[in-house]
N, C-alpha and C. Protein backbone atom coordinates (compact mmCIF):
# COMPACT_ATOMS: atom_id res chain seq x y z
N MET A 1 -0.31 -21.34 -15.18
CA MET A 1 -0.54 -19.99 -14.73
C MET A 1 -1.85 -19.51 -15.35
N ALA A 2 -2.66 -18.82 -14.57
CA ALA A 2 -3.93 -18.29 -15.06
C ALA A 2 -3.69 -17.03 -15.89
N SER A 3 -4.60 -16.76 -16.80
CA SER A 3 -4.47 -15.54 -17.60
C SER A 3 -5.62 -14.60 -17.29
N MET A 4 -5.42 -13.32 -17.61
CA MET A 4 -6.40 -12.28 -17.34
C MET A 4 -6.29 -11.24 -18.44
N THR A 5 -7.40 -10.71 -18.87
CA THR A 5 -7.40 -9.65 -19.87
C THR A 5 -7.49 -8.32 -19.15
N VAL A 6 -6.65 -7.37 -19.57
CA VAL A 6 -6.63 -6.04 -18.97
C VAL A 6 -6.94 -5.03 -20.04
N SER A 7 -7.94 -4.19 -19.79
CA SER A 7 -8.28 -3.11 -20.72
C SER A 7 -7.76 -1.80 -20.14
N MET A 8 -7.23 -0.95 -21.03
CA MET A 8 -6.71 0.33 -20.56
C MET A 8 -6.77 1.34 -21.70
N PRO A 9 -6.78 2.62 -21.35
CA PRO A 9 -6.76 3.64 -22.39
C PRO A 9 -5.44 3.57 -23.17
N GLU A 10 -5.46 4.11 -24.36
CA GLU A 10 -4.29 4.09 -25.24
C GLU A 10 -3.07 4.74 -24.57
N THR A 11 -3.29 5.82 -23.84
CA THR A 11 -2.15 6.50 -23.19
C THR A 11 -1.45 5.60 -22.18
N LEU A 12 -2.21 4.79 -21.45
CA LEU A 12 -1.59 3.86 -20.51
C LEU A 12 -0.88 2.73 -21.23
N ARG A 13 -1.48 2.26 -22.32
CA ARG A 13 -0.83 1.20 -23.10
C ARG A 13 0.51 1.70 -23.62
N GLU A 14 0.53 2.94 -24.09
CA GLU A 14 1.78 3.53 -24.59
C GLU A 14 2.81 3.64 -23.47
N TRP A 15 2.36 4.02 -22.29
CA TRP A 15 3.25 4.13 -21.12
C TRP A 15 3.92 2.78 -20.85
N VAL A 16 3.11 1.74 -20.81
CA VAL A 16 3.65 0.39 -20.55
C VAL A 16 4.59 -0.02 -21.68
N GLN A 17 4.19 0.24 -22.91
CA GLN A 17 5.03 -0.13 -24.05
C GLN A 17 6.39 0.55 -23.99
N GLN A 18 6.41 1.81 -23.55
CA GLN A 18 7.68 2.52 -23.40
C GLN A 18 8.57 1.83 -22.38
N ARG A 19 7.98 1.36 -21.30
CA ARG A 19 8.76 0.66 -20.26
C ARG A 19 9.32 -0.66 -20.81
N ILE A 20 8.53 -1.33 -21.62
CA ILE A 20 8.99 -2.59 -22.22
C ILE A 20 10.13 -2.31 -23.20
N GLU A 21 9.95 -1.31 -24.06
CA GLU A 21 10.98 -0.96 -25.05
C GLU A 21 12.27 -0.47 -24.39
N ALA A 22 12.16 0.14 -23.20
CA ALA A 22 13.33 0.62 -22.48
C ALA A 22 14.06 -0.53 -21.76
N GLY A 23 13.45 -1.71 -21.82
CA GLY A 23 14.09 -2.87 -21.20
C GLY A 23 13.78 -3.04 -19.72
N GLN A 24 12.85 -2.23 -19.20
CA GLN A 24 12.50 -2.35 -17.79
C GLN A 24 11.66 -3.59 -17.53
N TYR A 25 10.90 -3.99 -18.52
CA TYR A 25 10.02 -5.16 -18.40
C TYR A 25 10.07 -5.93 -19.71
N ALA A 26 9.87 -7.23 -19.62
CA ALA A 26 9.87 -8.05 -20.83
C ALA A 26 8.53 -8.04 -21.53
N SER A 27 7.46 -7.77 -20.76
CA SER A 27 6.11 -7.84 -21.34
C SER A 27 5.13 -7.11 -20.44
N LEU A 28 3.92 -6.94 -20.96
CA LEU A 28 2.84 -6.36 -20.16
C LEU A 28 2.61 -7.19 -18.91
N SER A 29 2.66 -8.50 -19.05
CA SER A 29 2.46 -9.38 -17.90
C SER A 29 3.50 -9.12 -16.81
N ASP A 30 4.76 -8.95 -17.20
CA ASP A 30 5.81 -8.65 -16.22
C ASP A 30 5.53 -7.32 -15.52
N TYR A 31 5.08 -6.34 -16.28
CA TYR A 31 4.79 -5.03 -15.72
C TYR A 31 3.67 -5.14 -14.68
N VAL A 32 2.58 -5.78 -15.05
CA VAL A 32 1.44 -5.92 -14.13
C VAL A 32 1.83 -6.73 -12.90
N ARG A 33 2.57 -7.83 -13.09
CA ARG A 33 3.03 -8.63 -11.94
C ARG A 33 3.86 -7.78 -10.98
N ASP A 34 4.74 -6.93 -11.54
CA ASP A 34 5.57 -6.08 -10.68
C ASP A 34 4.72 -5.08 -9.91
N LEU A 35 3.74 -4.47 -10.57
CA LEU A 35 2.86 -3.52 -9.88
C LEU A 35 2.10 -4.21 -8.74
N ILE A 36 1.60 -5.40 -9.00
CA ILE A 36 0.87 -6.14 -7.96
C ILE A 36 1.81 -6.48 -6.81
N HIS A 37 3.02 -6.90 -7.13
CA HIS A 37 3.99 -7.24 -6.10
C HIS A 37 4.32 -6.02 -5.24
N GLN A 38 4.53 -4.86 -5.88
CA GLN A 38 4.81 -3.63 -5.14
C GLN A 38 3.64 -3.26 -4.24
N ASP A 39 2.42 -3.44 -4.73
CA ASP A 39 1.23 -3.14 -3.94
C ASP A 39 1.14 -4.07 -2.73
N GLN A 40 1.46 -5.34 -2.92
CA GLN A 40 1.44 -6.29 -1.81
C GLN A 40 2.46 -5.90 -0.75
N ILE A 41 3.66 -5.52 -1.17
CA ILE A 41 4.70 -5.11 -0.22
C ILE A 41 4.25 -3.88 0.55
N ARG A 42 3.69 -2.88 -0.15
CA ARG A 42 3.23 -1.65 0.50
C ARG A 42 2.11 -1.96 1.50
N THR A 43 1.19 -2.82 1.12
CA THR A 43 0.09 -3.17 2.00
C THR A 43 0.59 -3.87 3.26
N MET A 44 1.52 -4.80 3.10
CA MET A 44 2.08 -5.50 4.26
C MET A 44 2.83 -4.52 5.17
N ALA A 45 3.56 -3.59 4.59
CA ALA A 45 4.30 -2.60 5.38
C ALA A 45 3.33 -1.71 6.17
N GLU A 46 2.23 -1.34 5.54
CA GLU A 46 1.23 -0.52 6.24
C GLU A 46 0.60 -1.29 7.38
N ARG A 47 0.29 -2.57 7.16
CA ARG A 47 -0.26 -3.39 8.25
C ARG A 47 0.74 -3.52 9.38
N ASP A 48 2.01 -3.73 9.03
CA ASP A 48 3.05 -3.84 10.05
C ASP A 48 3.16 -2.55 10.86
N ALA A 49 3.03 -1.41 10.20
CA ALA A 49 3.11 -0.12 10.90
C ALA A 49 1.95 0.03 11.88
N VAL A 50 0.76 -0.39 11.48
CA VAL A 50 -0.40 -0.32 12.37
C VAL A 50 -0.19 -1.26 13.56
N ARG A 51 0.28 -2.47 13.29
CA ARG A 51 0.54 -3.41 14.39
C ARG A 51 1.59 -2.86 15.36
N GLU A 52 2.61 -2.21 14.81
CA GLU A 52 3.65 -1.62 15.66
C GLU A 52 3.07 -0.52 16.55
N LYS A 53 2.20 0.31 16.00
CA LYS A 53 1.57 1.37 16.79
C LYS A 53 0.70 0.77 17.89
N ILE A 54 0.00 -0.30 17.58
CA ILE A 54 -0.83 -0.96 18.59
C ILE A 54 0.07 -1.52 19.70
N ALA A 55 1.16 -2.16 19.31
CA ALA A 55 2.09 -2.72 20.30
C ALA A 55 2.68 -1.62 21.16
N GLU A 56 3.04 -0.49 20.57
CA GLU A 56 3.58 0.63 21.35
C GLU A 56 2.53 1.14 22.34
N GLY A 57 1.31 1.23 21.88
CA GLY A 57 0.24 1.68 22.77
C GLY A 57 0.01 0.72 23.92
N MET A 58 0.02 -0.55 23.62
CA MET A 58 -0.16 -1.55 24.69
C MET A 58 0.99 -1.50 25.68
N ALA A 59 2.22 -1.36 25.19
CA ALA A 59 3.39 -1.27 26.07
C ALA A 59 3.29 -0.03 26.95
N SER A 60 2.82 1.07 26.37
CA SER A 60 2.66 2.31 27.11
C SER A 60 1.63 2.13 28.23
N LEU A 61 0.54 1.48 27.91
CA LEU A 61 -0.49 1.23 28.93
C LEU A 61 0.03 0.32 30.04
N ARG A 62 0.76 -0.71 29.66
CA ARG A 62 1.32 -1.62 30.67
C ARG A 62 2.31 -0.91 31.58
N ALA A 63 2.98 0.11 31.04
CA ALA A 63 3.95 0.87 31.83
C ALA A 63 3.26 1.97 32.64
N GLY A 64 1.94 2.02 32.57
CA GLY A 64 1.20 3.01 33.32
C GLY A 64 1.15 4.38 32.67
N GLU A 65 1.54 4.43 31.43
CA GLU A 65 1.51 5.70 30.70
C GLU A 65 0.25 5.75 29.85
N GLY A 66 -0.78 6.25 30.42
CA GLY A 66 -2.05 6.31 29.71
C GLY A 66 -2.03 7.34 28.60
N VAL A 67 -2.87 7.16 27.64
CA VAL A 67 -3.01 8.12 26.54
C VAL A 67 -4.48 8.50 26.45
N ASP A 68 -4.73 9.66 25.91
CA ASP A 68 -6.09 10.11 25.69
C ASP A 68 -6.68 9.28 24.55
N GLY A 69 -7.59 8.39 24.89
CA GLY A 69 -8.17 7.49 23.90
C GLY A 69 -8.85 8.20 22.75
N GLU A 70 -9.58 9.26 23.05
CA GLU A 70 -10.29 10.00 22.00
C GLU A 70 -9.29 10.66 21.04
N ALA A 71 -8.21 11.23 21.58
CA ALA A 71 -7.21 11.87 20.73
C ALA A 71 -6.50 10.82 19.87
N PHE A 72 -6.20 9.67 20.48
CA PHE A 72 -5.55 8.60 19.73
C PHE A 72 -6.42 8.13 18.58
N LEU A 73 -7.70 7.88 18.85
CA LEU A 73 -8.60 7.40 17.80
C LEU A 73 -8.79 8.44 16.71
N ALA A 74 -8.82 9.72 17.08
CA ALA A 74 -8.95 10.78 16.08
C ALA A 74 -7.71 10.80 15.18
N ARG A 75 -6.52 10.63 15.78
CA ARG A 75 -5.29 10.60 14.99
C ARG A 75 -5.28 9.37 14.07
N LEU A 76 -5.70 8.22 14.61
CA LEU A 76 -5.76 7.00 13.81
C LEU A 76 -6.74 7.15 12.66
N ASP A 77 -7.90 7.73 12.94
CA ASP A 77 -8.88 7.97 11.87
C ASP A 77 -8.30 8.86 10.78
N ALA A 78 -7.57 9.90 11.19
CA ALA A 78 -6.96 10.81 10.21
C ALA A 78 -5.93 10.07 9.36
N GLU A 79 -5.12 9.23 9.99
CA GLU A 79 -4.11 8.47 9.24
C GLU A 79 -4.76 7.50 8.27
N LEU A 80 -5.83 6.83 8.71
CA LEU A 80 -6.52 5.88 7.83
C LEU A 80 -7.19 6.62 6.67
N ALA A 81 -7.75 7.80 6.94
CA ALA A 81 -8.37 8.60 5.88
C ALA A 81 -7.31 9.01 4.86
N GLU A 82 -6.13 9.39 5.33
CA GLU A 82 -5.04 9.79 4.43
C GLU A 82 -4.62 8.61 3.57
N MET A 83 -4.52 7.44 4.18
CA MET A 83 -4.17 6.24 3.42
C MET A 83 -5.23 5.98 2.35
N GLY A 84 -6.49 6.18 2.69
CA GLY A 84 -7.57 6.00 1.72
C GLY A 84 -7.47 6.97 0.57
N ARG A 85 -7.11 8.21 0.86
CA ARG A 85 -6.96 9.20 -0.20
C ARG A 85 -5.79 8.86 -1.12
N GLN A 86 -4.80 8.18 -0.58
CA GLN A 86 -3.64 7.81 -1.37
C GLN A 86 -3.87 6.49 -2.09
N GLY A 87 -5.06 5.90 -1.90
CA GLY A 87 -5.41 4.68 -2.61
C GLY A 87 -4.78 3.43 -2.03
N ARG A 88 -4.55 3.43 -0.76
CA ARG A 88 -3.95 2.24 -0.14
C ARG A 88 -4.98 1.42 0.57
């Protein structure tokens, strides 16, 4: 397994240490691995949601139910901007 050094402010180190002492994690490595895993799951779920919206749009078009393309893209841009603000 590869190793990596992580630098953080003292307040964050204390936060992690509290989680370890509470028995939530065995080590800093476990904590970081869990955070990365959660981020991967969230990212995959967001991609799946976008794919689902695209599929719904395509099905709607195939059924002859057109949508206003400009309004759709504006809504999509707003959703992507919100995701960006949330750090996703």
